[in-house]
Amino acid sequence: MSGLESYINHTVSIITADGRNFIGTLKGFDQTINIIIDECHERVFSTTAGTEQIVLGLHIIRGDNIAVIGLIDEAIDARLDLPNIRGEPLGPVVH
């Protein structure tokens, strides 16, 4: 059994190898960790404009592009003031 099975139908954060951050409800995955997330949005960080959320809806992310998957604490996440959170965007993973 994969550790990801316990994340099904929970809110997850996925950081990709190119530095993007996706938040959504994990709906499924396959043996190569291709991920299906629903109610997906991408958080785009900026040092000048705060954090923007781009709504994507149902989204598929290729497993070979995933760097990190983690559970989101929805109570803490709901309290975040994203428009006022500033930060450097993540860079790509360098091999």
PDB file of N, CA and C in Angstrom:
ATOM      1  N   MET A   1       0.852  -1.188   0.000  1.00  0.00           N
ATOM      2  CA  MET A   1       0.000   0.000   0.000  1.00  0.00           C
ATOM      3  C   MET A   1       0.891   1.243   0.000  1.00  0.00           C
ATOM      4  N   SER A   2       0.558   2.185  -0.844  1.00  0.00           N
ATOM      5  CA  SER A   2       1.294   3.435  -0.927  1.00  0.00           C
ATOM      6  C   SER A   2       0.881   4.355   0.206  1.00  0.00           C
ATOM      7  N   GLY A   3       1.813   5.161   0.697  1.00  0.00           N
ATOM      8  CA  GLY A   3       1.500   6.142   1.724  1.00  0.00           C
ATOM      9  C   GLY A   3       0.515   7.187   1.243  1.00  0.00           C
ATOM     10  N   LEU A   4       0.414   7.363  -0.083  1.00  0.00           N
ATOM     11  CA  LEU A   4      -0.512   8.357  -0.633  1.00  0.00           C
ATOM     12  C   LEU A   4      -1.973   7.951  -0.486  1.00  0.00           C
ATOM     13  N   GLU A   5      -2.239   6.678  -0.313  1.00  0.00           N
ATOM     14  CA  GLU A   5      -3.642   6.247  -0.201  1.00  0.00           C
ATOM     15  C   GLU A   5      -4.345   6.923   0.969  1.00  0.00           C
ATOM     16  N   SER A   6      -3.614   7.198   2.041  1.00  0.00           N
ATOM     17  CA  SER A   6      -4.238   7.856   3.197  1.00  0.00           C
ATOM     18  C   SER A   6      -4.537   9.332   2.917  1.00  0.00           C
ATOM     19  N   TYR A   7      -3.996   9.886   1.834  1.00  0.00           N
ATOM     20  CA  TYR A   7      -4.233  11.282   1.466  1.00  0.00           C
ATOM     21  C   TYR A   7      -5.459  11.455   0.559  1.00  0.00           C
ATOM     22  N   ILE A   8      -6.012  10.350   0.044  1.00  0.00           N
ATOM     23  CA  ILE A   8      -7.163  10.437  -0.861  1.00  0.00           C
ATOM     24  C   ILE A   8      -8.303  11.186  -0.163  1.00  0.00           C
ATOM     25  N   ASN A   9      -8.939  12.105  -0.907  1.00  0.00           N
ATOM     26  CA  ASN A   9     -10.042  12.948  -0.438  1.00  0.00           C
ATOM     27  C   ASN A   9      -9.642  13.931   0.657  1.00  0.00           C
ATOM     28  N   HIS A  10      -8.344  14.187   0.794  1.00  0.00           N
ATOM     29  CA  HIS A  10      -7.853  15.209   1.716  1.00  0.00           C
ATOM     30  C   HIS A  10      -7.173  16.306   0.900  1.00  0.00           C
ATOM     31  N   THR A  11      -7.051  17.488   1.506  1.00  0.00           N
ATOM     32  CA  THR A  11      -6.394  18.611   0.842  1.00  0.00           C
ATOM     33  C   THR A  11      -4.881  18.439   0.939  1.00  0.00           C
ATOM     34  N   VAL A  12      -4.227  18.530  -0.213  1.00  0.00           N
ATOM     35  CA  VAL A  12      -2.781  18.366  -0.278  1.00  0.00           C
ATOM     36  C   VAL A  12      -2.139  19.578  -0.948  1.00  0.00           C
ATOM     37  N   SER A  13      -0.858  19.737  -0.662  1.00  0.00           N
ATOM     38  CA  SER A  13      -0.026  20.708  -1.357  1.00  0.00           C
ATOM     39  C   SER A  13       0.992  19.917  -2.153  1.00  0.00           C
ATOM     40  N   ILE A  14       1.140  20.265  -3.418  1.00  0.00           N
ATOM     41  CA  ILE A  14       2.098  19.595  -4.287  1.00  0.00           C
ATOM     42  C   ILE A  14       3.056  20.651  -4.826  1.00  0.00           C
ATOM     43  N   ILE A  15       4.341  20.427  -4.608  1.00  0.00           N
ATOM     44  CA  ILE A  15       5.364  21.297  -5.170  1.00  0.00           C
ATOM     45  C   ILE A  15       6.030  20.518  -6.292  1.00  0.00           C
ATOM     46  N   THR A  16       6.073  21.137  -7.457  1.00  0.00           N
ATOM     47  CA  THR A  16       6.631  20.453  -8.629  1.00  0.00           C
ATOM     48  C   THR A  16       8.112  20.787  -8.794  1.00  0.00           C
ATOM     49  N   ALA A  17       8.766  20.006  -9.631  1.00  0.00           N
ATOM     50  CA  ALA A  17      10.198  20.179  -9.868  1.00  0.00           C
ATOM     51  C   ALA A  17      10.524  21.544 -10.459  1.00  0.00           C
ATOM     52  N   ASP A  18       9.549  22.176 -11.113  1.00  0.00           N
ATOM     53  CA  ASP A  18       9.793  23.507 -11.667  1.00  0.00           C
ATOM     54  C   ASP A  18       9.396  24.627 -10.698  1.00  0.00           C
ATOM     55  N   GLY A  19       9.082  24.280  -9.436  1.00  0.00           N
ATOM     56  CA  GLY A  19       8.857  25.275  -8.395  1.00  0.00           C
ATOM     57  C   GLY A  19       7.433  25.760  -8.240  1.00  0.00           C
ATOM     58  N   ARG A  20       6.474  25.136  -8.904  1.00  0.00           N
ATOM     59  CA  ARG A  20       5.068  25.560  -8.770  1.00  0.00           C
ATOM     60  C   ARG A  20       4.444  24.888  -7.554  1.00  0.00           C
ATOM     61  N   ASN A  21       3.435  25.550  -6.951  1.00  0.00           N
ATOM     62  CA  ASN A  21       2.762  25.035  -5.759  1.00  0.00           C
ATOM     63  C   ASN A  21       1.271  24.915  -6.050  1.00  0.00           C
ATOM     64  N   PHE A  22       0.765  23.681  -6.042  1.00  0.00           N
ATOM     65  CA  PHE A  22      -0.644  23.400  -6.295  1.00  0.00           C
ATOM     66  C   PHE A  22      -1.298  22.922  -5.008  1.00  0.00           C
ATOM     67  N   ILE A  23      -2.517  23.410  -4.744  1.00  0.00           N
ATOM     68  CA  ILE A  23      -3.304  23.004  -3.584  1.00  0.00           C
ATOM     69  C   ILE A  23      -4.620  22.441  -4.116  1.00  0.00           C
ATOM     70  N   GLY A  24      -5.052  21.289  -3.590  1.00  0.00           N
ATOM     71  CA  GLY A  24      -6.327  20.724  -4.019  1.00  0.00           C
ATOM     72  C   GLY A  24      -6.627  19.438  -3.281  1.00  0.00           C
ATOM     73  N   THR A  25      -7.762  18.835  -3.620  1.00  0.00           N
ATOM     74  CA  THR A  25      -8.192  17.588  -3.004  1.00  0.00           C
ATOM     75  C   THR A  25      -7.683  16.423  -3.835  1.00  0.00           C
ATOM     76  N   LEU A  26      -6.865  15.571  -3.223  1.00  0.00           N
ATOM     77  CA  LEU A  26      -6.314  14.414  -3.935  1.00  0.00           C
ATOM     78  C   LEU A  26      -7.434  13.431  -4.250  1.00  0.00           C
ATOM     79  N   LYS A  27      -7.631  13.154  -5.535  1.00  0.00           N
ATOM     80  CA  LYS A  27      -8.690  12.231  -5.960  1.00  0.00           C
ATOM     81  C   LYS A  27      -8.147  10.873  -6.397  1.00  0.00           C
ATOM     82  N   GLY A  28      -6.902  10.846  -6.849  1.00  0.00           N
ATOM     83  CA  GLY A  28      -6.348   9.560  -7.268  1.00  0.00           C
ATOM     84  C   GLY A  28      -4.928   9.715  -7.772  1.00  0.00           C
ATOM     85  N   PHE A  29      -4.293   8.552  -7.957  1.00  0.00           N
ATOM     86  CA  PHE A  29      -2.935   8.504  -8.484  1.00  0.00           C
ATOM     87  C   PHE A  29      -2.707   7.111  -9.059  1.00  0.00           C
ATOM     88  N   ASP A  30      -1.664   6.975  -9.866  1.00  0.00           N
ATOM     89  CA  ASP A  30      -1.348   5.666 -10.434  1.00  0.00           C
ATOM     90  C   ASP A  30       0.041   5.220  -9.985  1.00  0.00           C
ATOM     91  N   GLN A  31       0.534   4.121 -10.574  1.00  0.00           N
ATOM     92  CA  GLN A  31       1.800   3.543 -10.141  1.00  0.00           C
ATOM     93  C   GLN A  31       3.006   4.439 -10.409  1.00  0.00           C
ATOM     94  N   THR A  32       2.875   5.409 -11.315  1.00  0.00           N
ATOM     95  CA  THR A  32       3.978   6.337 -11.570  1.00  0.00           C
ATOM     96  C   THR A  32       3.749   7.678 -10.871  1.00  0.00           C
ATOM     97  N   ILE A  33       2.818   7.704  -9.922  1.00  0.00           N
ATOM     98  CA  ILE A  33       2.474   8.865  -9.105  1.00  0.00           C
ATOM     99  C   ILE A  33       1.980  10.043  -9.949  1.00  0.00           C
ATOM    100  N   ASN A  34       1.352   9.762 -11.095  1.00  0.00           N
ATOM    101  CA  ASN A  34       0.578  10.801 -11.757  1.00  0.00           C
ATOM    102  C   ASN A  34      -0.582  11.099 -10.818  1.00  0.00           C
ATOM    103  N   ILE A  35      -0.846  12.374 -10.573  1.00  0.00           N
ATOM    104  CA  ILE A  35      -1.792  12.798  -9.534  1.00  0.00           C
ATOM    105  C   ILE A  35      -3.011  13.469 -10.161  1.00  0.00           C
ATOM    106  N   ILE A  36      -4.193  13.137  -9.636  1.00  0.00           N
ATOM    107  CA  ILE A  36      -5.424  13.838 -10.003  1.00  0.00           C
ATOM    108  C   ILE A  36      -5.868  14.611  -8.766  1.00  0.00           C
ATOM    109  N   ILE A  37      -5.971  15.950  -8.910  1.00  0.00           N
ATOM    110  CA  ILE A  37      -6.477  16.763  -7.805  1.00  0.00           C
ATOM    111  C   ILE A  37      -7.657  17.598  -8.286  1.00  0.00           C
ATOM    112  N   ASP A  38      -8.656  17.682  -7.411  1.00  0.00           N
ATOM    113  CA  ASP A  38      -9.866  18.439  -7.710  1.00  0.00           C
ATOM    114  C   ASP A  38      -9.850  19.732  -6.891  1.00  0.00           C
ATOM    115  N   GLU A  39     -10.662  20.696  -7.319  1.00  0.00           N
ATOM    116  CA  GLU A  39     -10.736  22.000  -6.662  1.00  0.00           C
ATOM    117  C   GLU A  39      -9.328  22.576  -6.528  1.00  0.00           C
ATOM    118  N   CYS A  40      -8.564  22.412  -7.576  1.00  0.00           N
ATOM    119  CA  CYS A  40      -7.155  22.784  -7.570  1.00  0.00           C
ATOM    120  C   CYS A  40      -6.964  24.280  -7.818  1.00  0.00           C
ATOM    121  N   HIS A  41      -6.000  24.835  -7.120  1.00  0.00           N
ATOM    122  CA  HIS A  41      -5.541  26.182  -7.430  1.00  0.00           C
ATOM    123  C   HIS A  41      -4.027  26.229  -7.253  1.00  0.00           C
ATOM    124  N   GLU A  42      -3.420  27.100  -8.021  1.00  0.00           N
ATOM    125  CA  GLU A  42      -1.979  27.293  -7.919  1.00  0.00           C
ATOM    126  C   GLU A  42      -1.730  28.564  -7.118  1.00  0.00           C
ATOM    127  N   ARG A  43      -0.799  28.477  -6.178  1.00  0.00           N
ATOM    128  CA  ARG A  43      -0.391  29.658  -5.425  1.00  0.00           C
ATOM    129  C   ARG A  43       0.883  30.207  -6.051  1.00  0.00           C
ATOM    130  N   VAL A  44       0.805  31.467  -6.461  1.00  0.00           N
ATOM    131  CA  VAL A  44       1.935  32.124  -7.102  1.00  0.00           C
ATOM    132  C   VAL A  44       2.467  33.171  -6.124  1.00  0.00           C
ATOM    133  N   PHE A  45       3.686  32.959  -5.670  1.00  0.00           N
ATOM    134  CA  PHE A  45       4.291  33.845  -4.670  1.00  0.00           C
ATOM    135  C   PHE A  45       5.033  34.985  -5.338  1.00  0.00           C
ATOM    136  N   SER A  46       5.053  36.125  -4.652  1.00  0.00           N
ATOM    137  CA  SER A  46       5.715  37.323  -5.165  1.00  0.00           C
ATOM    138  C   SER A  46       6.242  38.120  -3.982  1.00  0.00           C
ATOM    139  N   THR A  47       7.343  38.802  -4.167  1.00  0.00           N
ATOM    140  CA  THR A  47       7.877  39.651  -3.098  1.00  0.00           C
ATOM    141  C   THR A  47       7.220  41.019  -3.086  1.00  0.00           C
ATOM    142  N   THR A  48       6.479  41.359  -4.149  1.00  0.00           N
ATOM    143  CA  THR A  48       5.891  42.696  -4.244  1.00  0.00           C
ATOM    144  C   THR A  48       4.363  42.705  -4.194  1.00  0.00           C
ATOM    145  N   ALA A  49       3.705  41.667  -4.693  1.00  0.00           N
ATOM    146  CA  ALA A  49       2.250  41.716  -4.852  1.00  0.00           C
ATOM    147  C   ALA A  49       1.489  40.754  -3.954  1.00  0.00           C
ATOM    148  N   GLY A  50       2.152  40.068  -3.044  1.00  0.00           N
ATOM    149  CA  GLY A  50       1.449  39.088  -2.234  1.00  0.00           C
ATOM    150  C   GLY A  50       1.260  37.792  -3.011  1.00  0.00           C
ATOM    151  N   THR A  51       0.523  36.873  -2.411  1.00  0.00           N
ATOM    152  CA  THR A  51       0.324  35.550  -3.003  1.00  0.00           C
ATOM    153  C   THR A  51      -0.978  35.514  -3.785  1.00  0.00           C
ATOM    154  N   GLU A  52      -0.893  35.168  -5.055  1.00  0.00           N
ATOM    155  CA  GLU A  52      -2.060  35.070  -5.929  1.00  0.00           C
ATOM    156  C   GLU A  52      -2.488  33.610  -6.021  1.00  0.00           C
ATOM    157  N   GLN A  53      -3.800  33.379  -6.075  1.00  0.00           N
ATOM    158  CA  GLN A  53      -4.321  32.029  -6.272  1.00  0.00           C
ATOM    159  C   GLN A  53      -5.006  31.968  -7.634  1.00  0.00           C
ATOM    160  N   ILE A  54      -4.565  31.042  -8.460  1.00  0.00           N
ATOM    161  CA  ILE A  54      -5.142  30.856  -9.788  1.00  0.00           C
ATOM    162  C   ILE A  54      -5.964  29.571  -9.755  1.00  0.00           C
ATOM    163  N   VAL A  55      -7.268  29.688  -9.972  1.00  0.00           N
ATOM    164  CA  VAL A  55      -8.168  28.538  -9.921  1.00  0.00           C
ATOM    165  C   VAL A  55      -8.000  27.700 -11.183  1.00  0.00           C
ATOM    166  N   LEU A  56      -7.794  26.389 -10.990  1.00  0.00           N
ATOM    167  CA  LEU A  56      -7.586  25.466 -12.110  1.00  0.00           C
ATOM    168  C   LEU A  56      -8.661  24.390 -12.205  1.00  0.00           C
ATOM    169  N   GLY A  57      -9.399  24.140 -11.128  1.00  0.00           N
ATOM    170  CA  GLY A  57     -10.424  23.091 -11.141  1.00  0.00           C
ATOM    171  C   GLY A  57      -9.797  21.708 -11.050  1.00  0.00           C
ATOM    172  N   LEU A  58     -10.301  20.762 -11.845  1.00  0.00           N
ATOM    173  CA  LEU A  58      -9.743  19.407 -11.875  1.00  0.00           C
ATOM    174  C   LEU A  58      -8.425  19.464 -12.637  1.00  0.00           C
ATOM    175  N   HIS A  59      -7.364  18.901 -12.046  1.00  0.00           N
ATOM    176  CA  HIS A  59      -6.025  19.052 -12.620  1.00  0.00           C
ATOM    177  C   HIS A  59      -5.258  17.746 -12.493  1.00  0.00           C
ATOM    178  N   ILE A  60      -4.441  17.447 -13.489  1.00  0.00           N
ATOM    179  CA  ILE A  60      -3.571  16.268 -13.466  1.00  0.00           C
ATOM    180  C   ILE A  60      -2.130  16.746 -13.478  1.00  0.00           C
ATOM    181  N   ILE A  61      -1.317  16.173 -12.598  1.00  0.00           N
ATOM    182  CA  ILE A  61       0.101  16.511 -12.537  1.00  0.00           C
ATOM    183  C   ILE A  61       0.897  15.238 -12.772  1.00  0.00           C
ATOM    184  N   ARG A  62       1.814  15.298 -13.728  1.00  0.00           N
ATOM    185  CA  ARG A  62       2.652  14.133 -14.042  1.00  0.00           C
ATOM    186  C   ARG A  62       3.558  13.791 -12.866  1.00  0.00           C
ATOM    187  N   GLY A  63       3.657  12.512 -12.585  1.00  0.00           N
ATOM    188  CA  GLY A  63       4.459  12.047 -11.460  1.00  0.00           C
ATOM    189  C   GLY A  63       5.922  12.414 -11.552  1.00  0.00           C
ATOM    190  N   ASP A  64       6.470  12.435 -12.776  1.00  0.00           N
ATOM    191  CA  ASP A  64       7.899  12.741 -12.907  1.00  0.00           C
ATOM    192  C   ASP A  64       8.209  14.215 -12.675  1.00  0.00           C
ATOM    193  N   ASN A  65       7.174  15.042 -12.485  1.00  0.00           N
ATOM    194  CA  ASN A  65       7.364  16.466 -12.224  1.00  0.00           C
ATOM    195  C   ASN A  65       7.101  16.821 -10.759  1.00  0.00           C
ATOM    196  N   ILE A  66       6.771  15.839  -9.927  1.00  0.00           N
ATOM    197  CA  ILE A  66       6.427  16.110  -8.529  1.00  0.00           C
ATOM    198  C   ILE A  66       7.671  16.004  -7.655  1.00  0.00           C
ATOM    199  N   ALA A  67       7.908  17.043  -6.846  1.00  0.00           N
ATOM    200  CA  ALA A  67       9.031  17.028  -5.908  1.00  0.00           C
ATOM    201  C   ALA A  67       8.566  16.662  -4.498  1.00  0.00           C
ATOM    202  N   VAL A  68       7.424  17.244  -4.043  1.00  0.00           N
ATOM    203  CA  VAL A  68       6.939  17.043  -2.675  1.00  0.00           C
ATOM    204  C   VAL A  68       5.418  17.023  -2.674  1.00  0.00           C
ATOM    205  N   ILE A  69       4.846  16.109  -1.875  1.00  0.00           N
ATOM    206  CA  ILE A  69       3.395  16.092  -1.632  1.00  0.00           C
ATOM    207  C   ILE A  69       3.200  16.076  -0.118  1.00  0.00           C
ATOM    208  N   GLY A  70       2.344  16.964   0.384  1.00  0.00           N
ATOM    209  CA  GLY A  70       2.079  16.984   1.818  1.00  0.00           C
ATOM    210  C   GLY A  70       0.638  17.338   2.105  1.00  0.00           C
ATOM    211  N   LEU A  71       0.158  16.898   3.265  1.00  0.00           N
ATOM    212  CA  LEU A  71      -1.200  17.237   3.695  1.00  0.00           C
ATOM    213  C   LEU A  71      -1.258  18.685   4.157  1.00  0.00           C
ATOM    214  N   ILE A  72      -2.386  19.329   3.913  1.00  0.00           N
ATOM    215  CA  ILE A  72      -2.643  20.700   4.356  1.00  0.00           C
ATOM    216  C   ILE A  72      -3.554  20.640   5.579  1.00  0.00           C
ATOM    217  N   ASP A  73      -3.211  21.370   6.624  1.00  0.00           N
ATOM    218  CA  ASP A  73      -4.103  21.545   7.769  1.00  0.00           C
ATOM    219  C   ASP A  73      -5.101  22.628   7.363  1.00  0.00           C
ATOM    220  N   GLU A  74      -6.326  22.216   7.050  1.00  0.00           N
ATOM    221  CA  GLU A  74      -7.315  23.146   6.490  1.00  0.00           C
ATOM    222  C   GLU A  74      -7.675  24.279   7.437  1.00  0.00           C
ATOM    223  N   ALA A  75      -7.670  24.033   8.745  1.00  0.00           N
ATOM    224  CA  ALA A  75      -8.000  25.085   9.711  1.00  0.00           C
ATOM    225  C   ALA A  75      -6.936  26.181   9.682  1.00  0.00           C
ATOM    226  N   ILE A  76      -5.671  25.795   9.644  1.00  0.00           N
ATOM    227  CA  ILE A  76      -4.593  26.786   9.580  1.00  0.00           C
ATOM    228  C   ILE A  76      -4.601  27.480   8.221  1.00  0.00           C
ATOM    229  N   ASP A  77      -4.783  26.709   7.143  1.00  0.00           N
ATOM    230  CA  ASP A  77      -4.771  27.269   5.797  1.00  0.00           C
ATOM    231  C   ASP A  77      -5.878  28.309   5.616  1.00  0.00           C
ATOM    232  N   ALA A  78      -7.038  28.087   6.225  1.00  0.00           N
ATOM    233  CA  ALA A  78      -8.164  29.015   6.093  1.00  0.00           C
ATOM    234  C   ALA A  78      -7.873  30.363   6.757  1.00  0.00           C
ATOM    235  N   ARG A  79      -6.961  30.373   7.716  1.00  0.00           N
ATOM    236  CA  ARG A  79      -6.635  31.617   8.421  1.00  0.00           C
ATOM    237  C   ARG A  79      -5.541  32.428   7.730  1.00  0.00           C
ATOM    238  N   LEU A  80      -4.920  31.872   6.689  1.00  0.00           N
ATOM    239  CA  LEU A  80      -3.846  32.585   6.003  1.00  0.00           C
ATOM    240  C   LEU A  80      -4.391  33.803   5.256  1.00  0.00           C
ATOM    241  N   ASP A  81      -3.700  34.913   5.376  1.00  0.00           N
ATOM    242  CA  ASP A  81      -4.056  36.140   4.662  1.00  0.00           C
ATOM    243  C   ASP A  81      -3.171  36.205   3.413  1.00  0.00           C
ATOM    244  N   LEU A  82      -3.511  35.376   2.409  1.00  0.00           N
ATOM    245  CA  LEU A  82      -2.653  35.195   1.243  1.00  0.00           C
ATOM    246  C   LEU A  82      -2.308  36.483   0.497  1.00  0.00           C
ATOM    247  N   PRO A  83      -3.241  37.432   0.320  1.00  0.00           N
ATOM    248  CA  PRO A  83      -2.861  38.657  -0.404  1.00  0.00           C
ATOM    249  C   PRO A  83      -1.745  39.449   0.285  1.00  0.00           C
ATOM    250  N   ASN A  84      -1.556  39.228   1.576  1.00  0.00           N
ATOM    251  CA  ASN A  84      -0.518  39.957   2.312  1.00  0.00           C
ATOM    252  C   ASN A  84       0.720  39.112   2.611  1.00  0.00           C
ATOM    253  N   ILE A  85       0.740  37.867   2.140  1.00  0.00           N
ATOM    254  CA  ILE A  85       1.917  37.021   2.320  1.00  0.00           C
ATOM    255  C   ILE A  85       2.814  37.205   1.106  1.00  0.00           C
ATOM    256  N   ARG A  86       4.043  37.627   1.375  1.00  0.00           N
ATOM    257  CA  ARG A  86       5.006  37.842   0.295  1.00  0.00           C
ATOM    258  C   ARG A  86       6.166  36.871   0.463  1.00  0.00           C
ATOM    259  N   GLY A  87       6.696  36.420  -0.648  1.00  0.00           N
ATOM    260  CA  GLY A  87       7.837  35.515  -0.597  1.00  0.00           C
ATOM    261  C   GLY A  87       8.419  35.304  -1.974  1.00  0.00           C
ATOM    262  N   GLU A  88       9.664  34.878  -1.987  1.00  0.00           N
ATOM    263  CA  GLU A  88      10.325  34.568  -3.246  1.00  0.00           C
ATOM    264  C   GLU A  88       9.675  33.325  -3.855  1.00  0.00           C
ATOM    265  N   PRO A  89       9.390  33.347  -5.141  1.00  0.00           N
ATOM    266  CA  PRO A  89       8.931  32.128  -5.795  1.00  0.00           C
ATOM    267  C   PRO A  89      10.014  31.053  -5.710  1.00  0.00           C
ATOM    268  N   LEU A  90       9.598  29.795  -5.625  1.00  0.00           N
ATOM    269  CA  LEU A  90      10.568  28.700  -5.607  1.00  0.00           C
ATOM    270  C   LEU A  90      11.203  28.564  -6.989  1.00  0.00           C
ATOM    271  N   GLY A  91      12.452  28.225  -6.992  1.00  0.00           N
ATOM    272  CA  GLY A  91      13.129  27.963  -8.264  1.00  0.00           C
ATOM    273  C   GLY A  91      12.994  26.494  -8.619  1.00  0.00           C
ATOM    274  N   PRO A  92      13.398  26.124  -9.819  1.00  0.00           N
ATOM    275  CA  PRO A  92      13.330  24.722 -10.224  1.00  0.00           C
ATOM    276  C   PRO A  92      14.364  23.871  -9.483  1.00  0.00           C
ATOM    277  N   VAL A  93      14.084  22.569  -9.411  1.00  0.00           N
ATOM    278  CA  VAL A  93      15.047  21.621  -8.849  1.00  0.00           C
ATOM    279  C   VAL A  93      16.197  21.485  -9.831  1.00  0.00           C
ATOM    280  N   VAL A  94      17.412  21.613  -9.337  1.00  0.00           N
ATOM    281  CA  VAL A  94      18.588  21.490 -10.201  1.00  0.00           C
ATOM    282  C   VAL A  94      19.244  20.148  -9.906  1.00  0.00           C
ATOM    283  N   HIS A  95      19.450  19.359 -10.959  1.00  0.00           N
ATOM    284  CA  HIS A  95      20.072  18.024 -10.787  1.00  0.00           C
ATOM    285  C   HIS A  95      21.547  18.099 -11.021  1.00  0.00           C
TER     286      HIS A  95
END
